[in-house]
Amino acid sequence: MIELVVIVIILIVIGCVKVYHATQRQAEKEREYVADRRMCRCTGFCLIYDIVKVVLVLIAAGAIFYIFVSLAIGETIGLRHLGNAKFWITAITSAVMFLPTVWMMIFLREKKKR
């Protein structure tokens, strides 16, 4: 039984590594394509691309945040939490702790680039 669990864990790790490498290759192609578009001065395309990318990142971050807050209050994931006071207290407290951390990470990254 332990061998089966170890094999499953190894397969999950291998799958995650393969997905990571594939997304890194795709991200490099995307960066190159967008850089070419910026050189061609396709400002409309670049603006729409940036807006769509920000919206998708915010949706993904919100979904992940919602899942973790739902699990933190000890409930299953569902839309019924939006009326739960315990959910909102946990969400606001988490955001108050999380947002300064993200801000500092961005600030230090920008400082490192200079």
C-alpha atoms as a PDB file:
ATOM      1  CA  MET A   1       0.000   0.000   0.000  1.00  0.00           C
ATOM      2  CA  ILE A   2       2.840   2.384   0.845  1.00  0.00           C
ATOM      3  CA  GLU A   3       4.450   1.652  -2.520  1.00  0.00           C
ATOM      4  CA  LEU A   4       1.245   2.698  -4.279  1.00  0.00           C
ATOM      5  CA  VAL A   5       1.119   5.990  -2.368  1.00  0.00           C
ATOM      6  CA  VAL A   6       4.781   6.695  -3.171  1.00  0.00           C
ATOM      7  CA  ILE A   7       4.212   5.949  -6.869  1.00  0.00           C
ATOM      8  CA  VAL A   8       1.162   8.221  -6.963  1.00  0.00           C
ATOM      9  CA  ILE A   9       3.096  11.038  -5.276  1.00  0.00           C
ATOM     10  CA  ILE A  10       6.000  10.611  -7.704  1.00  0.00           C
ATOM     11  CA  LEU A  11       3.612  10.685 -10.685  1.00  0.00           C
ATOM     12  CA  ILE A  12       1.956  13.841  -9.354  1.00  0.00           C
ATOM     13  CA  VAL A  13       5.344  15.528  -8.915  1.00  0.00           C
ATOM     14  CA  ILE A  14       6.460  14.496 -12.414  1.00  0.00           C
ATOM     15  CA  GLY A  15       3.194  15.790 -13.872  1.00  0.00           C
ATOM     16  CA  CYS A  16       3.559  19.117 -12.063  1.00  0.00           C
ATOM     17  CA  VAL A  17       7.132  19.512 -13.316  1.00  0.00           C
ATOM     18  CA  LYS A  18       6.057  18.788 -16.901  1.00  0.00           C
ATOM     19  CA  VAL A  19       3.221  21.315 -16.657  1.00  0.00           C
ATOM     20  CA  TYR A  20       5.626  23.882 -15.199  1.00  0.00           C
ATOM     21  CA  HIS A  21       8.116  23.450 -18.042  1.00  0.00           C
ATOM     22  CA  ALA A  22       5.355  23.605 -20.661  1.00  0.00           C
ATOM     23  CA  THR A  23       3.967  26.825 -19.175  1.00  0.00           C
ATOM     24  CA  GLN A  24       7.453  28.348 -19.070  1.00  0.00           C
ATOM     25  CA  ARG A  25       7.950  27.576 -22.784  1.00  0.00           C
ATOM     26  CA  GLN A  26       4.533  29.024 -23.604  1.00  0.00           C
ATOM     27  CA  ALA A  27       5.211  32.134 -21.507  1.00  0.00           C
ATOM     28  CA  GLU A  28       8.455  32.744 -23.400  1.00  0.00           C
ATOM     29  CA  LYS A  29       6.628  32.474 -26.741  1.00  0.00           C
ATOM     30  CA  GLU A  30       3.974  34.869 -25.425  1.00  0.00           C
ATOM     31  CA  ARG A  31       6.555  37.412 -24.252  1.00  0.00           C
ATOM     32  CA  GLU A  32       8.282  37.267 -27.636  1.00  0.00           C
ATOM     33  CA  TYR A  33       4.993  37.733 -29.518  1.00  0.00           C
ATOM     34  CA  VAL A  34       3.932  40.691 -27.385  1.00  0.00           C
ATOM     35  CA  ALA A  35       7.388  42.272 -27.743  1.00  0.00           C
ATOM     36  CA  ASP A  36       7.052  41.989 -31.534  1.00  0.00           C
ATOM     37  CA  ARG A  37       3.624  43.621 -31.358  1.00  0.00           C
ATOM     38  CA  ARG A  38       4.973  46.456 -29.231  1.00  0.00           C
ATOM     39  CA  MET A  39       7.768  47.043 -31.756  1.00  0.00           C
ATOM     40  CA  CYS A  40       5.159  47.271 -34.522  1.00  0.00           C
ATOM     41  CA  ARG A  41       3.359  49.890 -32.403  1.00  0.00           C
ATOM     42  CA  CYS A  42       0.114  47.916 -32.192  1.00  0.00           C
ATOM     43  CA  THR A  43      -1.051  49.894 -29.168  1.00  0.00           C
ATOM     44  CA  GLY A  44      -4.684  48.753 -29.393  1.00  0.00           C
ATOM     45  CA  PHE A  45      -3.687  45.110 -29.317  1.00  0.00           C
ATOM     46  CA  CYS A  46      -1.266  45.650 -26.444  1.00  0.00           C
ATOM     47  CA  LEU A  47      -3.835  47.577 -24.407  1.00  0.00           C
ATOM     48  CA  ILE A  48      -6.513  44.899 -24.874  1.00  0.00           C
ATOM     49  CA  TYR A  49      -3.958  42.173 -24.112  1.00  0.00           C
ATOM     50  CA  ASP A  50      -2.879  43.887 -20.871  1.00  0.00           C
ATOM     51  CA  ILE A  51      -6.476  44.456 -19.742  1.00  0.00           C
ATOM     52  CA  VAL A  52      -7.485  40.844 -20.419  1.00  0.00           C
ATOM     53  CA  LYS A  53      -4.386  39.543 -18.646  1.00  0.00           C
ATOM     54  CA  VAL A  54      -5.050  41.669 -15.547  1.00  0.00           C
ATOM     55  CA  VAL A  55      -8.710  40.583 -15.440  1.00  0.00           C
ATOM     56  CA  LEU A  56      -7.810  36.898 -15.727  1.00  0.00           C
ATOM     57  CA  VAL A  57      -5.130  37.167 -13.032  1.00  0.00           C
ATOM     58  CA  LEU A  58      -7.579  38.929 -10.697  1.00  0.00           C
ATOM     59  CA  ILE A  59     -10.242  36.263 -11.303  1.00  0.00           C
ATOM     60  CA  ALA A  60      -7.751  33.472 -10.602  1.00  0.00           C
ATOM     61  CA  ALA A  61      -6.407  35.192  -7.472  1.00  0.00           C
ATOM     62  CA  GLY A  62      -9.937  35.842  -6.221  1.00  0.00           C
ATOM     63  CA  ALA A  63     -10.944  32.218  -6.755  1.00  0.00           C
ATOM     64  CA  ILE A  64      -7.879  30.922  -4.935  1.00  0.00           C
ATOM     65  CA  PHE A  65      -8.436  33.400  -2.096  1.00  0.00           C
ATOM     66  CA  TYR A  66     -12.098  32.362  -1.853  1.00  0.00           C
ATOM     67  CA  ILE A  67     -11.189  28.669  -1.671  1.00  0.00           C
ATOM     68  CA  PHE A  68      -8.608  29.198   1.070  1.00  0.00           C
ATOM     69  CA  VAL A  69     -10.868  31.453   3.152  1.00  0.00           C
ATOM     70  CA  SER A  70     -13.712  28.927   2.846  1.00  0.00           C
ATOM     71  CA  LEU A  71     -11.399  26.188   4.056  1.00  0.00           C
ATOM     72  CA  ALA A  72     -10.057  28.421   6.851  1.00  0.00           C
ATOM     73  CA  ILE A  73     -13.513  28.891   8.362  1.00  0.00           C
ATOM     74  CA  GLY A  74     -14.015  25.138   8.223  1.00  0.00           C
ATOM     75  CA  GLU A  75     -16.747  25.049   5.606  1.00  0.00           C
ATOM     76  CA  THR A  76     -17.055  23.508   2.198  1.00  0.00           C
ATOM     77  CA  ILE A  77     -16.651  25.746  -0.818  1.00  0.00           C
ATOM     78  CA  GLY A  78     -19.875  27.381  -1.952  1.00  0.00           C
ATOM     79  CA  LEU A  79     -21.592  30.679  -2.647  1.00  0.00           C
ATOM     80  CA  ARG A  80     -23.576  30.563   0.599  1.00  0.00           C
ATOM     81  CA  HIS A  81     -20.562  31.993   2.461  1.00  0.00           C
ATOM     82  CA  LEU A  82     -21.102  35.437   1.012  1.00  0.00           C
ATOM     83  CA  GLY A  83     -23.747  36.062   3.686  1.00  0.00           C
ATOM     84  CA  ASN A  84     -21.711  34.532   6.513  1.00  0.00           C
ATOM     85  CA  ALA A  85     -20.147  37.052   8.933  1.00  0.00           C
ATOM     86  CA  LYS A  86     -17.384  34.610   9.918  1.00  0.00           C
ATOM     87  CA  PHE A  87     -16.388  34.332   6.259  1.00  0.00           C
ATOM     88  CA  TRP A  88     -16.107  38.112   5.854  1.00  0.00           C
ATOM     89  CA  ILE A  89     -14.123  38.549   9.070  1.00  0.00           C
ATOM     90  CA  THR A  90     -11.664  35.868   7.950  1.00  0.00           C
ATOM     91  CA  ALA A  91     -11.481  37.289   4.413  1.00  0.00           C
ATOM     92  CA  ILE A  92     -10.833  40.850   5.565  1.00  0.00           C
ATOM     93  CA  THR A  93      -8.261  39.742   8.140  1.00  0.00           C
ATOM     94  CA  SER A  94      -6.476  37.628   5.530  1.00  0.00           C
ATOM     95  CA  ALA A  95      -6.494  40.496   3.038  1.00  0.00           C
ATOM     96  CA  VAL A  96      -5.098  42.903   5.639  1.00  0.00           C
ATOM     97  CA  MET A  97      -2.215  40.492   6.251  1.00  0.00           C
ATOM     98  CA  PHE A  98      -1.747  39.453   2.604  1.00  0.00           C
ATOM     99  CA  LEU A  99      -1.855  42.766   0.723  1.00  0.00           C
ATOM    100  CA  PRO A 100       1.126  44.423   2.491  1.00  0.00           C
ATOM    101  CA  THR A 101       3.130  41.267   1.825  1.00  0.00           C
ATOM    102  CA  VAL A 102       2.320  41.407  -1.881  1.00  0.00           C
ATOM    103  CA  TRP A 103       3.075  45.127  -1.956  1.00  0.00           C
ATOM    104  CA  MET A 104       6.495  44.550  -0.379  1.00  0.00           C
ATOM    105  CA  MET A 105       7.256  41.735  -2.819  1.00  0.00           C
ATOM    106  CA  ILE A 106       6.458  44.000  -5.769  1.00  0.00           C
ATOM    107  CA  PHE A 107       8.433  46.878  -4.249  1.00  0.00           C
ATOM    108  CA  LEU A 108      11.506  44.717  -3.632  1.00  0.00           C
ATOM    109  CA  ARG A 109      11.263  43.244  -7.131  1.00  0.00           C
ATOM    110  CA  GLU A 110      11.180  46.735  -8.674  1.00  0.00           C
ATOM    111  CA  LYS A 111      14.078  47.817  -6.468  1.00  0.00           C
ATOM    112  CA  LYS A 112      16.076  44.767  -7.548  1.00  0.00           C
ATOM    113  CA  LYS A 113      15.550  45.610 -11.250  1.00  0.00           C
ATOM    114  CA  ARG A 114      17.155  49.035 -10.831  1.00  0.00           C
END
